Amino acid sequence: MDRRKTTCRRRRARAGFTLMEVLLVMAILVVLASLVVMNFDSILGGVSEDATQSQIKVLDTACKKYKMDMKVPPQTLDNLLEDPGDADSGGRSRWRGPYLEGEIPMDQWDRPFELTTDANGKIVISSAGPDGTSGNEDDITN
């Protein structure tokens, strides 16, 4: 009988985890969680850039429609929503807008898109990208 009691006591004493074992498991879980978070952040960064590129395509299409009607590219993105007035048409506007539904969208980082025209009259719509600084390698443009 004494032998069974001793064996039973040893099993109960060894039934839990030691502090070292618990800390080791916690450290492994923290490392795994940090790897998942870092990969998740890079995936979301790509999604934001793709969404911004899609918005630029929508704005570019609206600008092209505006240019077909007005015979000149829009001066600002606001021209897609409001008639800029056409002094050369004798009081009759060629504007057939609004060319966008709702408001002019912001890029995925809550900054406005920039509208310019190049020397050939091509419409250029761009976003400053994640860092918010125009003119560097992370800019997104059509």
Protein backbone atom coordinates (compact mmCIF):
# COMPACT_ATOMS: atom_id res chain seq x y z
CA MET A 1 0.00 0.00 0.00
CA ASP A 2 2.75 2.45 0.85
CA ARG A 3 4.26 1.94 -2.55
CA ARG A 4 1.04 3.02 -4.32
CA LYS A 5 0.77 6.16 -2.20
CA THR A 6 4.33 7.15 -3.05
CA THR A 7 3.79 6.58 -6.78
CA CYS A 8 0.52 8.51 -6.70
CA ARG A 9 2.19 11.45 -4.92
CA ARG A 10 4.99 11.54 -7.49
CA ARG A 11 2.48 11.63 -10.36
CA ARG A 12 0.58 14.49 -8.75
CA ALA A 13 3.79 16.41 -8.15
CA ARG A 14 4.83 16.01 -11.79
CA ALA A 15 1.37 16.64 -13.28
CA GLY A 16 1.86 20.43 -13.86
CA PHE A 17 4.26 22.41 -16.04
CA THR A 18 7.34 24.08 -14.66
CA LEU A 19 7.80 27.83 -14.95
CA MET A 20 10.59 27.30 -17.52
CA GLU A 21 8.34 25.21 -19.75
CA VAL A 22 5.59 27.83 -19.63
CA LEU A 23 8.04 30.65 -20.41
CA LEU A 24 9.52 28.69 -23.32
CA VAL A 25 6.09 28.11 -24.85
CA MET A 26 5.20 31.79 -24.38
CA ALA A 27 8.43 32.87 -26.12
CA ILE A 28 7.71 30.59 -29.07
CA LEU A 29 4.18 31.97 -29.37
CA VAL A 30 5.46 35.57 -29.30
CA VAL A 31 7.96 34.84 -32.09
CA LEU A 32 5.28 33.18 -34.23
CA ALA A 33 2.83 36.02 -33.65
CA SER A 34 5.40 38.64 -34.64
CA LEU A 35 6.14 36.77 -37.88
CA VAL A 36 2.44 36.65 -38.73
CA VAL A 37 1.98 40.37 -38.00
CA MET A 38 4.97 41.36 -40.15
CA ASN A 39 3.70 39.30 -43.11
CA PHE A 40 0.17 40.63 -42.67
CA ASP A 41 1.44 44.21 -42.80
CA SER A 42 3.26 43.64 -46.09
CA ILE A 43 0.15 42.03 -47.60
CA LEU A 44 -1.99 45.02 -46.61
CA GLY A 45 0.55 47.42 -48.10
CA GLY A 46 0.13 45.77 -51.51
CA VAL A 47 -3.64 45.90 -51.22
CA SER A 48 -3.57 49.65 -50.55
CA GLU A 49 -1.41 50.25 -53.61
CA ASP A 50 -3.71 48.14 -55.79
CA ALA A 51 -6.80 49.99 -54.52
CA THR A 52 -5.14 53.35 -55.22
CA GLN A 53 -4.24 52.20 -58.74
CA SER A 54 -7.90 51.24 -59.31
CA GLN A 55 -9.08 54.66 -58.15
CA ILE A 56 -6.60 56.31 -60.52
CA LYS A 57 -8.06 54.29 -63.41
CA VAL A 58 -11.58 55.47 -62.53
CA LEU A 59 -10.41 59.09 -62.34
CA ASP A 60 -8.50 58.72 -65.63
CA THR A 61 -11.61 57.41 -67.40
CA ALA A 62 -13.67 60.32 -66.05
CA CYS A 63 -11.00 62.79 -67.19
CA LYS A 64 -11.00 61.29 -70.69
CA LYS A 65 -14.79 61.65 -70.92
CA TYR A 66 -14.46 65.25 -69.78
CA LYS A 67 -11.79 65.90 -72.41
CA MET A 68 -13.98 64.42 -75.17
CA ASP A 69 -16.85 66.73 -74.23
CA MET A 70 -14.92 69.89 -73.44
CA LYS A 71 -12.07 69.44 -76.00
CA VAL A 72 -9.54 70.30 -73.26
CA PRO A 73 -8.40 68.29 -70.23
CA PRO A 74 -9.79 69.28 -66.82
CA GLN A 75 -7.75 71.86 -64.91
CA THR A 76 -8.61 70.26 -61.56
CA LEU A 77 -10.42 67.13 -60.42
CA ASP A 78 -13.23 69.40 -59.20
CA ASN A 79 -14.06 70.05 -62.88
CA LEU A 80 -15.32 66.46 -63.03
CA LEU A 81 -18.13 67.34 -60.60
CA GLU A 82 -18.87 71.00 -61.36
CA ASP A 83 -19.27 72.84 -64.65
CA PRO A 84 -16.23 75.10 -65.01
CA GLY A 85 -18.13 77.38 -67.41
CA ASP A 86 -17.09 77.84 -71.02
CA ALA A 87 -16.69 81.45 -72.07
CA ASP A 88 -15.87 80.48 -75.69
CA SER A 89 -19.17 78.71 -76.33
CA GLY A 90 -21.39 81.79 -76.27
CA GLY A 91 -23.06 80.93 -72.97
CA ARG A 92 -23.80 77.31 -73.93
CA SER A 93 -21.62 74.81 -72.08
CA ARG A 94 -20.40 71.52 -73.55
CA TRP A 95 -20.05 70.06 -70.05
CA ARG A 96 -22.06 66.80 -69.75
CA GLY A 97 -21.14 65.96 -66.15
CA PRO A 98 -20.86 65.14 -63.44
CA TYR A 99 -18.31 62.62 -64.63
CA LEU A 100 -17.99 60.95 -61.21
CA GLU A 101 -20.60 59.70 -58.78
CA GLY A 102 -20.34 61.18 -55.30
CA GLU A 103 -17.22 63.01 -54.23
CA ILE A 104 -13.68 62.93 -55.54
CA PRO A 105 -12.00 60.00 -53.78
CA MET A 106 -8.87 60.27 -51.66
CA ASP A 107 -6.04 57.77 -52.01
CA GLN A 108 -5.72 54.91 -49.53
CA TRP A 109 -3.64 57.09 -47.21
CA ASP A 110 -6.31 59.86 -47.07
CA ARG A 111 -4.45 62.28 -49.29
CA PRO A 112 -5.81 63.94 -52.45
CA PHE A 113 -4.83 62.79 -55.91
CA GLU A 114 -2.79 65.17 -58.06
CA LEU A 115 -3.89 66.04 -61.61
CA THR A 116 -1.43 67.37 -64.19
CA THR A 117 -1.04 67.28 -67.95
CA ASP A 118 2.24 66.56 -69.66
CA ALA A 119 3.69 68.41 -72.67
CA ASN A 120 1.69 66.22 -75.07
CA GLY A 121 -1.61 66.98 -73.32
CA LYS A 122 -1.80 63.54 -71.69
CA ILE A 123 -3.64 63.53 -68.38
CA VAL A 124 -1.49 62.36 -65.45
CA ILE A 125 -3.15 61.42 -62.16
CA SER A 126 -0.90 60.47 -59.29
CA SER A 127 -0.79 59.65 -55.60
CA ALA A 128 2.20 60.43 -53.39
CA GLY A 129 2.07 56.85 -52.11
CA PRO A 130 2.51 55.55 -48.57
CA ASP A 131 5.15 58.08 -47.51
CA GLY A 132 3.17 61.13 -48.70
CA THR A 133 6.11 62.64 -50.57
CA SER A 134 5.71 63.28 -54.30
CA GLY A 135 8.52 62.61 -56.71
CA ASN A 136 10.04 59.43 -55.30
CA GLU A 137 9.88 55.72 -56.15
CA ASP A 138 6.72 54.88 -54.18
CA ASP A 139 4.47 57.27 -56.14
CA ILE A 140 1.52 55.66 -57.91
CA THR A 141 0.47 57.07 -61.27
CA ASN A 142 -1.50 56.18 -64.40
